[in-house]
Amino acid sequence: MTIYAKKTCWLIGAIFFFILGVIGIILPVIPQIPFLIIAFFCLSKGAPKVHHWIRTRNFYRKYVLKFERKCTQVAVQHPFLQRIARHFHH
């Protein structure tokens, strides 16, 4: 699969999940937050400029980056995850 095809698939997924998220806002039966998170993930994979734009925002640096670093530190300290990491690095 070419890079263009992969980006197109990611962008189609982003649009699809964004629409589901908007429907979830309108209909209270459908959860909107998971769909919107998946939509932004797909968008960041399909459009590197958007990914860069998101990562340079103050909100991201202030809240999400702290959370990412904290989770990474916890994961690195977990014995089971250390064994898996050693397995993949050899």
Foldseek 3Di string as FASTA:
>chain_A
DDLLVLLVVLQVLLVVLQVQLVVCVVDVVRHNVVSNVSSVVSNCSNDVVVVVVVCPDPVCVVPVVVVVVVVVVVLCPDPVSVVVVVVVVD
